Amino acid sequence: VHWAGYLPDDELRSLLSGSTALVLISESEGFGLPAVEAAACGCPVIATVESPLPHLLRGGGWFVGAGDVESTRSAMQEALTDEALR
């Protein structure tokens, strides 16, 4: 887990491009811009089904129920171990 805080655009793109996944599992999300930015940089996304991200990313990620710890753990494990899915 890496908490980067604010980054200039070029540093953000570099960080996202080299990341294993972006995890955005908030219980509600207005849009999910960090996940869209991550996907645009080729970074896999783990997000909740309650967010608009399943529609925005059209299945291009792992989508879990808010508060579903086991599904979140499983998605994170897959992202870490199965390079073909990334």
PDB file of N, CA and C in Angstrom:
ATOM      1  N   VAL A   1       0.854  -1.178   0.000  1.00  0.00           N
ATOM      2  CA  VAL A   1       0.000   0.000   0.000  1.00  0.00           C
ATOM      3  C   VAL A   1       0.889   1.227   0.000  1.00  0.00           C
ATOM      4  N   HIS A   2       0.568   2.155  -0.880  1.00  0.00           N
ATOM      5  CA  HIS A   2       1.359   3.377  -0.995  1.00  0.00           C
ATOM      6  C   HIS A   2       0.410   4.571  -0.946  1.00  0.00           C
ATOM      7  N   TRP A   3       0.507   5.386   0.094  1.00  0.00           N
ATOM      8  CA  TRP A   3      -0.287   6.611   0.219  1.00  0.00           C
ATOM      9  C   TRP A   3       0.580   7.754  -0.292  1.00  0.00           C
ATOM     10  N   ALA A   4       0.292   8.240  -1.482  1.00  0.00           N
ATOM     11  CA  ALA A   4       1.167   9.217  -2.125  1.00  0.00           C
ATOM     12  C   ALA A   4       0.789  10.662  -1.837  1.00  0.00           C
ATOM     13  N   GLY A   5      -0.451  10.931  -1.471  1.00  0.00           N
ATOM     14  CA  GLY A   5      -0.864  12.324  -1.332  1.00  0.00           C
ATOM     15  C   GLY A   5      -0.926  12.975  -2.703  1.00  0.00           C
ATOM     16  N   TYR A   6      -0.847  14.290  -2.742  1.00  0.00           N
ATOM     17  CA  TYR A   6      -0.899  15.001  -4.020  1.00  0.00           C
ATOM     18  C   TYR A   6       0.371  14.735  -4.819  1.00  0.00           C
ATOM     19  N   LEU A   7       0.199  14.484  -6.124  1.00  0.00           N
ATOM     20  CA  LEU A   7       1.329  14.331  -7.043  1.00  0.00           C
ATOM     21  C   LEU A   7       1.056  15.145  -8.304  1.00  0.00           C
ATOM     22  N   PRO A   8       2.088  15.772  -8.866  1.00  0.00           N
ATOM     23  CA  PRO A   8       1.920  16.411 -10.173  1.00  0.00           C
ATOM     24  C   PRO A   8       1.522  15.349 -11.203  1.00  0.00           C
ATOM     25  N   ASP A   9       0.863  15.766 -12.279  1.00  0.00           N
ATOM     26  CA  ASP A   9       0.333  14.834 -13.272  1.00  0.00           C
ATOM     27  C   ASP A   9       1.355  13.833 -13.791  1.00  0.00           C
ATOM     28  N   ASP A  10       2.565  14.284 -14.120  1.00  0.00           N
ATOM     29  CA  ASP A  10       3.565  13.364 -14.677  1.00  0.00           C
ATOM     30  C   ASP A  10       3.976  12.307 -13.656  1.00  0.00           C
ATOM     31  N   GLU A  11       4.101  12.687 -12.395  1.00  0.00           N
ATOM     32  CA  GLU A  11       4.449  11.716 -11.353  1.00  0.00           C
ATOM     33  C   GLU A  11       3.293  10.755 -11.101  1.00  0.00           C
ATOM     34  N   LEU A  12       2.066  11.261 -11.155  1.00  0.00           N
ATOM     35  CA  LEU A  12       0.891  10.416 -10.967  1.00  0.00           C
ATOM     36  C   LEU A  12       0.810   9.362 -12.064  1.00  0.00           C
ATOM     37  N   ARG A  13       0.991   9.770 -13.320  1.00  0.00           N
ATOM     38  CA  ARG A  13       0.968   8.812 -14.433  1.00  0.00           C
ATOM     39  C   ARG A  13       2.039   7.748 -14.264  1.00  0.00           C
ATOM     40  N   SER A  14       3.220   8.143 -13.860  1.00  0.00           N
ATOM     41  CA  SER A  14       4.314   7.199 -13.663  1.00  0.00           C
ATOM     42  C   SER A  14       3.988   6.208 -12.542  1.00  0.00           C
ATOM     43  N   LEU A  15       3.466   6.709 -11.441  1.00  0.00           N
ATOM     44  CA  LEU A  15       3.117   5.839 -10.316  1.00  0.00           C
ATOM     45  C   LEU A  15       2.017   4.856 -10.708  1.00  0.00           C
ATOM     46  N   LEU A  16       0.966   5.349 -11.352  1.00  0.00           N
ATOM     47  CA  LEU A  16      -0.141   4.473 -11.739  1.00  0.00           C
ATOM     48  C   LEU A  16       0.294   3.442 -12.777  1.00  0.00           C
ATOM     49  N   SER A  17       1.122   3.836 -13.718  1.00  0.00           N
ATOM     50  CA  SER A  17       1.587   2.911 -14.758  1.00  0.00           C
ATOM     51  C   SER A  17       2.379   1.748 -14.185  1.00  0.00           C
ATOM     52  N   GLY A  18       3.061   1.977 -13.081  1.00  0.00           N
ATOM     53  CA  GLY A  18       3.866   0.928 -12.472  1.00  0.00           C
ATOM     54  C   GLY A  18       3.199   0.212 -11.313  1.00  0.00           C
ATOM     55  N   SER A  19       1.935   0.523 -11.062  1.00  0.00           N
ATOM     56  CA  SER A  19       1.239  -0.063  -9.912  1.00  0.00           C
ATOM     57  C   SER A  19       0.587  -1.393 -10.257  1.00  0.00           C
ATOM     58  N   THR A  20       0.486  -2.256  -9.279  1.00  0.00           N
ATOM     59  CA  THR A  20      -0.187  -3.540  -9.452  1.00  0.00           C
ATOM     60  C   THR A  20      -1.689  -3.341  -9.583  1.00  0.00           C
ATOM     61  N   ALA A  21      -2.264  -2.463  -8.787  1.00  0.00           N
ATOM     62  CA  ALA A  21      -3.705  -2.179  -8.848  1.00  0.00           C
ATOM     63  C   ALA A  21      -4.011  -0.927  -8.047  1.00  0.00           C
ATOM     64  N   LEU A  22      -5.123  -0.295  -8.383  1.00  0.00           N
ATOM     65  CA  LEU A  22      -5.670   0.792  -7.579  1.00  0.00           C
ATOM     66  C   LEU A  22      -6.916   0.234  -6.893  1.00  0.00           C
ATOM     67  N   VAL A  23      -6.992   0.381  -5.589  1.00  0.00           N
ATOM     68  CA  VAL A  23      -8.125  -0.133  -4.822  1.00  0.00           C
ATOM     69  C   VAL A  23      -8.963   1.051  -4.353  1.00  0.00           C
ATOM     70  N   LEU A  24     -10.204   1.112  -4.813  1.00  0.00           N
ATOM     71  CA  LEU A  24     -11.127   2.194  -4.453  1.00  0.00           C
ATOM     72  C   LEU A  24     -12.431   1.532  -4.001  1.00  0.00           C
ATOM     73  N   ILE A  25     -12.496   1.213  -2.715  1.00  0.00           N
ATOM     74  CA  ILE A  25     -13.626   0.425  -2.212  1.00  0.00           C
ATOM     75  C   ILE A  25     -14.517   1.225  -1.267  1.00  0.00           C
ATOM     76  N   SER A  26     -14.744   2.478  -1.603  1.00  0.00           N
ATOM     77  CA  SER A  26     -15.631   3.313  -0.797  1.00  0.00           C
ATOM     78  C   SER A  26     -17.074   2.817  -0.927  1.00  0.00           C
ATOM     79  N   GLU A  27     -17.875   3.072   0.109  1.00  0.00           N
ATOM     80  CA  GLU A  27     -19.269   2.626   0.099  1.00  0.00           C
ATOM     81  C   GLU A  27     -20.124   3.410  -0.884  1.00  0.00           C
ATOM     82  N   SER A  28     -19.740   4.637  -1.180  1.00  0.00           N
ATOM     83  CA  SER A  28     -20.420   5.403  -2.228  1.00  0.00           C
ATOM     84  C   SER A  28     -19.376   6.276  -2.910  1.00  0.00           C
ATOM     85  N   GLU A  29     -19.583   6.487  -4.180  1.00  0.00           N
ATOM     86  CA  GLU A  29     -18.594   7.229  -4.962  1.00  0.00           C
ATOM     87  C   GLU A  29     -19.349   8.037  -6.004  1.00  0.00           C
ATOM     88  N   GLY A  30     -19.119   9.338  -6.032  1.00  0.00           N
ATOM     89  CA  GLY A  30     -19.803  10.184  -6.999  1.00  0.00           C
ATOM     90  C   GLY A  30     -19.418   9.869  -8.432  1.00  0.00           C
ATOM     91  N   PHE A  31     -18.142   9.698  -8.684  1.00  0.00           N
ATOM     92  CA  PHE A  31     -17.673   9.409 -10.040  1.00  0.00           C
ATOM     93  C   PHE A  31     -16.535   8.398 -10.029  1.00  0.00           C
ATOM     94  N   GLY A  32     -15.548   8.580  -9.204  1.00  0.00           N
ATOM     95  CA  GLY A  32     -14.425   7.653  -9.159  1.00  0.00           C
ATOM     96  C   GLY A  32     -13.279   8.045 -10.064  1.00  0.00           C
ATOM     97  N   LEU A  33     -12.986   9.342 -10.143  1.00  0.00           N
ATOM     98  CA  LEU A  33     -11.924   9.833 -11.019  1.00  0.00           C
ATOM     99  C   LEU A  33     -10.588   9.120 -10.809  1.00  0.00           C
ATOM    100  N   PRO A  34     -10.145   8.839  -9.578  1.00  0.00           N
ATOM    101  CA  PRO A  34      -8.860   8.142  -9.429  1.00  0.00           C
ATOM    102  C   PRO A  34      -8.834   6.794 -10.162  1.00  0.00           C
ATOM    103  N   ALA A  35      -9.949   6.082 -10.158  1.00  0.00           N
ATOM    104  CA  ALA A  35      -9.997   4.788 -10.840  1.00  0.00           C
ATOM    105  C   ALA A  35      -9.965   4.959 -12.353  1.00  0.00           C
ATOM    106  N   VAL A  36     -10.637   5.959 -12.861  1.00  0.00           N
ATOM    107  CA  VAL A  36     -10.624   6.225 -14.302  1.00  0.00           C
ATOM    108  C   VAL A  36      -9.217   6.630 -14.742  1.00  0.00           C
ATOM    109  N   GLU A  37      -8.556   7.464 -13.946  1.00  0.00           N
ATOM    110  CA  GLU A  37      -7.172   7.850 -14.247  1.00  0.00           C
ATOM    111  C   GLU A  37      -6.258   6.624 -14.223  1.00  0.00           C
ATOM    112  N   ALA A  38      -6.448   5.755 -13.240  1.00  0.00           N
ATOM    113  CA  ALA A  38      -5.625   4.544 -13.149  1.00  0.00           C
ATOM    114  C   ALA A  38      -5.827   3.668 -14.375  1.00  0.00           C
ATOM    115  N   ALA A  39      -7.079   3.439 -14.748  1.00  0.00           N
ATOM    116  CA  ALA A  39      -7.368   2.603 -15.912  1.00  0.00           C
ATOM    117  C   ALA A  39      -6.755   3.198 -17.181  1.00  0.00           C
ATOM    118  N   ALA A  40      -6.791   4.518 -17.310  1.00  0.00           N
ATOM    119  CA  ALA A  40      -6.202   5.181 -18.479  1.00  0.00           C
ATOM    120  C   ALA A  40      -4.692   4.978 -18.540  1.00  0.00           C
ATOM    121  N   CYS A  41      -4.074   4.732 -17.390  1.00  0.00           N
ATOM    122  CA  CYS A  41      -2.625   4.495 -17.321  1.00  0.00           C
ATOM    123  C   CYS A  41      -2.287   3.005 -17.380  1.00  0.00           C
ATOM    124  N   GLY A  42      -3.294   2.162 -17.598  1.00  0.00           N
ATOM    125  CA  GLY A  42      -3.060   0.729 -17.678  1.00  0.00           C
ATOM    126  C   GLY A  42      -2.990   0.034 -16.337  1.00  0.00           C
ATOM    127  N   CYS A  43      -3.419   0.703 -15.292  1.00  0.00           N
ATOM    128  CA  CYS A  43      -3.394   0.132 -13.946  1.00  0.00           C
ATOM    129  C   CYS A  43      -4.735  -0.545 -13.664  1.00  0.00           C
ATOM    130  N   PRO A  44      -4.739  -1.821 -13.299  1.00  0.00           N
ATOM    131  CA  PRO A  44      -5.990  -2.497 -12.962  1.00  0.00           C
ATOM    132  C   PRO A  44      -6.679  -1.834 -11.773  1.00  0.00           C
ATOM    133  N   VAL A  45      -8.006  -1.936 -11.747  1.00  0.00           N
ATOM    134  CA  VAL A  45      -8.810  -1.285 -10.715  1.00  0.00           C
ATOM    135  C   VAL A  45      -9.626  -2.316  -9.946  1.00  0.00           C
ATOM    136  N   ILE A  46      -9.652  -2.152  -8.628  1.00  0.00           N
ATOM    137  CA  ILE A  46     -10.553  -2.904  -7.756  1.00  0.00           C
ATOM    138  C   ILE A  46     -11.482  -1.864  -7.141  1.00  0.00           C
ATOM    139  N   ALA A  47     -12.784  -1.992  -7.406  1.00  0.00           N
ATOM    140  CA  ALA A  47     -13.748  -0.995  -6.936  1.00  0.00           C
ATOM    141  C   ALA A  47     -15.046  -1.685  -6.532  1.00  0.00           C
ATOM    142  N   THR A  48     -15.943  -0.924  -5.934  1.00  0.00           N
ATOM    143  CA  THR A  48     -17.209  -1.495  -5.486  1.00  0.00           C
ATOM    144  C   THR A  48     -18.258  -1.469  -6.598  1.00  0.00           C
ATOM    145  N   VAL A  49     -19.154  -2.452  -6.534  1.00  0.00           N
ATOM    146  CA  VAL A  49     -20.257  -2.508  -7.493  1.00  0.00           C
ATOM    147  C   VAL A  49     -21.245  -1.372  -7.256  1.00  0.00           C
ATOM    148  N   GLU A  50     -21.215  -0.786  -6.076  1.00  0.00           N
ATOM    149  CA  GLU A  50     -22.113   0.320  -5.758  1.00  0.00           C
ATOM    150  C   GLU A  50     -21.689   1.628  -6.431  1.00  0.00           C
ATOM    151  N   SER A  51     -20.471   1.699  -6.905  1.00  0.00           N
ATOM    152  CA  SER A  51     -19.958   2.901  -7.569  1.00  0.00           C
ATOM    153  C   SER A  51     -20.369   2.877  -9.042  1.00  0.00           C
ATOM    154  N   PRO A  52     -20.175   3.974  -9.758  1.00  0.00           N
ATOM    155  CA  PRO A  52     -20.455   3.972 -11.196  1.00  0.00           C
ATOM    156  C   PRO A  52     -19.358   3.280 -12.014  1.00  0.00           C
ATOM    157  N   LEU A  53     -18.311   2.814 -11.361  1.00  0.00           N
ATOM    158  CA  LEU A  53     -17.142   2.291 -12.083  1.00  0.00           C
ATOM    159  C   LEU A  53     -17.404   1.033 -12.902  1.00  0.00           C
ATOM    160  N   PRO A  54     -18.252   0.090 -12.475  1.00  0.00           N
ATOM    161  CA  PRO A  54     -18.499  -1.054 -13.363  1.00  0.00           C
ATOM    162  C   PRO A  54     -19.026  -0.622 -14.732  1.00  0.00           C
ATOM    163  N   HIS A  55     -19.816   0.445 -14.775  1.00  0.00           N
ATOM    164  CA  HIS A  55     -20.340   0.945 -16.052  1.00  0.00           C
ATOM    165  C   HIS A  55     -19.287   1.758 -16.800  1.00  0.00           C
ATOM    166  N   LEU A  56     -18.517   2.547 -16.070  1.00  0.00           N
ATOM    167  CA  LEU A  56     -17.496   3.384 -16.709  1.00  0.00           C
ATOM    168  C   LEU A  56     -16.347   2.559 -17.269  1.00  0.00           C
ATOM    169  N   LEU A  57     -15.946   1.524 -16.541  1.00  0.00           N
ATOM    170  CA  LEU A  57     -14.796   0.715 -16.963  1.00  0.00           C
ATOM    171  C   LEU A  57     -15.220  -0.521 -17.741  1.00  0.00           C
ATOM    172  N   ARG A  58     -16.497  -0.736 -17.872  1.00  0.00           N
ATOM    173  CA  ARG A  58     -17.069  -1.836 -18.662  1.00  0.00           C
ATOM    174  C   ARG A  58     -16.395  -3.173 -18.403  1.00  0.00           C
ATOM    175  N   GLY A  59     -16.349  -3.573 -17.148  1.00  0.00           N
ATOM    176  CA  GLY A  59     -15.788  -4.873 -16.803  1.00  0.00           C
ATOM    177  C   GLY A  59     -14.277  -4.897 -16.760  1.00  0.00           C
ATOM    178  N   GLY A  60     -13.629  -3.767 -16.930  1.00  0.00           N
ATOM    179  CA  GLY A  60     -12.172  -3.721 -16.942  1.00  0.00           C
ATOM    180  C   GLY A  60     -11.579  -3.610 -15.558  1.00  0.00           C
ATOM    181  N   GLY A  61     -11.932  -4.513 -14.703  1.00  0.00           N
ATOM    182  CA  GLY A  61     -11.400  -4.494 -13.341  1.00  0.00           C
ATOM    183  C   GLY A  61     -12.093  -5.533 -12.490  1.00  0.00           C
ATOM    184  N   TRP A  62     -11.846  -5.467 -11.215  1.00  0.00           N
ATOM    185  CA  TRP A  62     -12.520  -6.332 -10.253  1.00  0.00           C
ATOM    186  C   TRP A  62     -13.535  -5.474  -9.520  1.00  0.00           C
ATOM    187  N   PHE A  63     -14.766  -5.958  -9.406  1.00  0.00           N
ATOM    188  CA  PHE A  63     -15.815  -5.195  -8.740  1.00  0.00           C
ATOM    189  C   PHE A  63     -16.395  -6.033  -7.607  1.00  0.00           C
ATOM    190  N   VAL A  64     -16.360  -5.470  -6.423  1.00  0.00           N
ATOM    191  CA  VAL A  64     -16.737  -6.182  -5.200  1.00  0.00           C
ATOM    192  C   VAL A  64     -17.831  -5.406  -4.478  1.00  0.00           C
ATOM    193  N   GLY A  65     -18.561  -6.097  -3.621  1.00  0.00           N
ATOM    194  CA  GLY A  65     -19.575  -5.429  -2.811  1.00  0.00           C
ATOM    195  C   GLY A  65     -18.914  -4.589  -1.725  1.00  0.00           C
ATOM    196  N   ALA A  66     -19.500  -3.433  -1.446  1.00  0.00           N
ATOM    197  CA  ALA A  66     -18.975  -2.580  -0.370  1.00  0.00           C
ATOM    198  C   ALA A  66     -19.033  -3.357   0.940  1.00  0.00           C
ATOM    199  N   GLY A  67     -17.938  -3.399   1.639  1.00  0.00           N
ATOM    200  CA  GLY A  67     -17.870  -4.109   2.910  1.00  0.00           C
ATOM    201  C   GLY A  67     -17.642  -5.605   2.781  1.00  0.00           C
ATOM    202  N   ASP A  68     -17.546  -6.126   1.567  1.00  0.00           N
ATOM    203  CA  ASP A  68     -17.323  -7.561   1.360  1.00  0.00           C
ATOM    204  C   ASP A  68     -15.821  -7.841   1.432  1.00  0.00           C
ATOM    205  N   VAL A  69     -15.384  -8.122   2.632  1.00  0.00           N
ATOM    206  CA  VAL A  69     -13.955  -8.288   2.894  1.00  0.00           C
ATOM    207  C   VAL A  69     -13.378  -9.459   2.110  1.00  0.00           C
ATOM    208  N   GLU A  70     -14.083 -10.573   2.050  1.00  0.00           N
ATOM    209  CA  GLU A  70     -13.555 -11.757   1.367  1.00  0.00           C
ATOM    210  C   GLU A  70     -13.400 -11.512  -0.137  1.00  0.00           C
ATOM    211  N   SER A  71     -14.382 -10.885  -0.768  1.00  0.00           N
ATOM    212  CA  SER A  71     -14.269 -10.587  -2.204  1.00  0.00           C
ATOM    213  C   SER A  71     -13.147  -9.590  -2.476  1.00  0.00           C
ATOM    214  N   THR A  72     -12.996  -8.625  -1.591  1.00  0.00           N
ATOM    215  CA  THR A  72     -11.917  -7.646  -1.737  1.00  0.00           C
ATOM    216  C   THR A  72     -10.565  -8.329  -1.596  1.00  0.00           C
ATOM    217  N   ARG A  73     -10.431  -9.184  -0.596  1.00  0.00           N
ATOM    218  CA  ARG A  73      -9.186  -9.924  -0.393  1.00  0.00           C
ATOM    219  C   ARG A  73      -8.873 -10.783  -1.613  1.00  0.00           C
ATOM    220  N   SER A  74      -9.887 -11.467  -2.124  1.00  0.00           N
ATOM    221  CA  SER A  74      -9.703 -12.337  -3.284  1.00  0.00           C
ATOM    222  C   SER A  74      -9.273 -11.541  -4.519  1.00  0.00           C
ATOM    223  N   ALA A  75      -9.903 -10.396  -4.752  1.00  0.00           N
ATOM    224  CA  ALA A  75      -9.536  -9.550  -5.898  1.00  0.00           C
ATOM    225  C   ALA A  75      -8.106  -9.051  -5.761  1.00  0.00           C
ATOM    226  N   MET A  76      -7.742  -8.640  -4.555  1.00  0.00           N
ATOM    227  CA  MET A  76      -6.375  -8.159  -4.337  1.00  0.00           C
ATOM    228  C   MET A  76      -5.370  -9.290  -4.536  1.00  0.00           C
ATOM    229  N   GLN A  77      -5.705 -10.485  -4.069  1.00  0.00           N
ATOM    230  CA  GLN A  77      -4.820 -11.639  -4.250  1.00  0.00           C
ATOM    231  C   GLN A  77      -4.640 -11.945  -5.735  1.00  0.00           C
ATOM    232  N   GLU A  78      -5.745 -11.926  -6.494  1.00  0.00           N
ATOM    233  CA  GLU A  78      -5.656 -12.156  -7.941  1.00  0.00           C
ATOM    234  C   GLU A  78      -4.791 -11.104  -8.620  1.00  0.00           C
ATOM    235  N   ALA A  79      -4.989  -9.854  -8.255  1.00  0.00           N
ATOM    236  CA  ALA A  79      -4.202  -8.772  -8.856  1.00  0.00           C
ATOM    237  C   ALA A  79      -2.715  -8.956  -8.581  1.00  0.00           C
ATOM    238  N   LEU A  80      -2.400  -9.442  -7.406  1.00  0.00           N
ATOM    239  CA  LEU A  80      -0.995  -9.633  -7.035  1.00  0.00           C
ATOM    240  C   LEU A  80      -0.356 -10.846  -7.693  1.00  0.00           C
ATOM    241  N   THR A  81      -1.136 -11.900  -7.919  1.00  0.00           N
ATOM    242  CA  THR A  81      -0.536 -13.166  -8.335  1.00  0.00           C
ATOM    243  C   THR A  81      -0.766 -13.556  -9.791  1.00  0.00           C
ATOM    244  N   ASP A  82      -1.792 -13.049 -10.437  1.00  0.00           N
ATOM    245  CA  ASP A  82      -2.106 -13.470 -11.802  1.00  0.00           C
ATOM    246  C   ASP A  82      -1.809 -12.340 -12.788  1.00  0.00           C
ATOM    247  N   GLU A  83      -0.593 -12.327 -13.294  1.00  0.00           N
ATOM    248  CA  GLU A  83      -0.173 -11.253 -14.200  1.00  0.00           C
ATOM    249  C   GLU A  83      -0.991 -11.217 -15.486  1.00  0.00           C
ATOM    250  N   ALA A  84      -1.547 -12.350 -15.908  1.00  0.00           N
ATOM    251  CA  ALA A  84      -2.347 -12.384 -17.135  1.00  0.00           C
ATOM    252  C   ALA A  84      -3.630 -11.573 -16.994  1.00  0.00           C
ATOM    253  N   LEU A  85      -4.122 -11.426 -15.779  1.00  0.00           N
ATOM    254  CA  LEU A  85      -5.351 -10.665 -15.548  1.00  0.00           C
ATOM    255  C   LEU A  85      -5.094  -9.176 -15.417  1.00  0.00           C
ATOM    256  N   ARG A  86      -3.851  -8.783 -15.279  1.00  0.00           N
ATOM    257  CA  ARG A  86      -3.535  -7.355 -15.113  1.00  0.00           C
ATOM    258  C   ARG A  86      -3.428  -6.665 -16.439  1.00  0.00           C
TER     259      ARG A  86
END
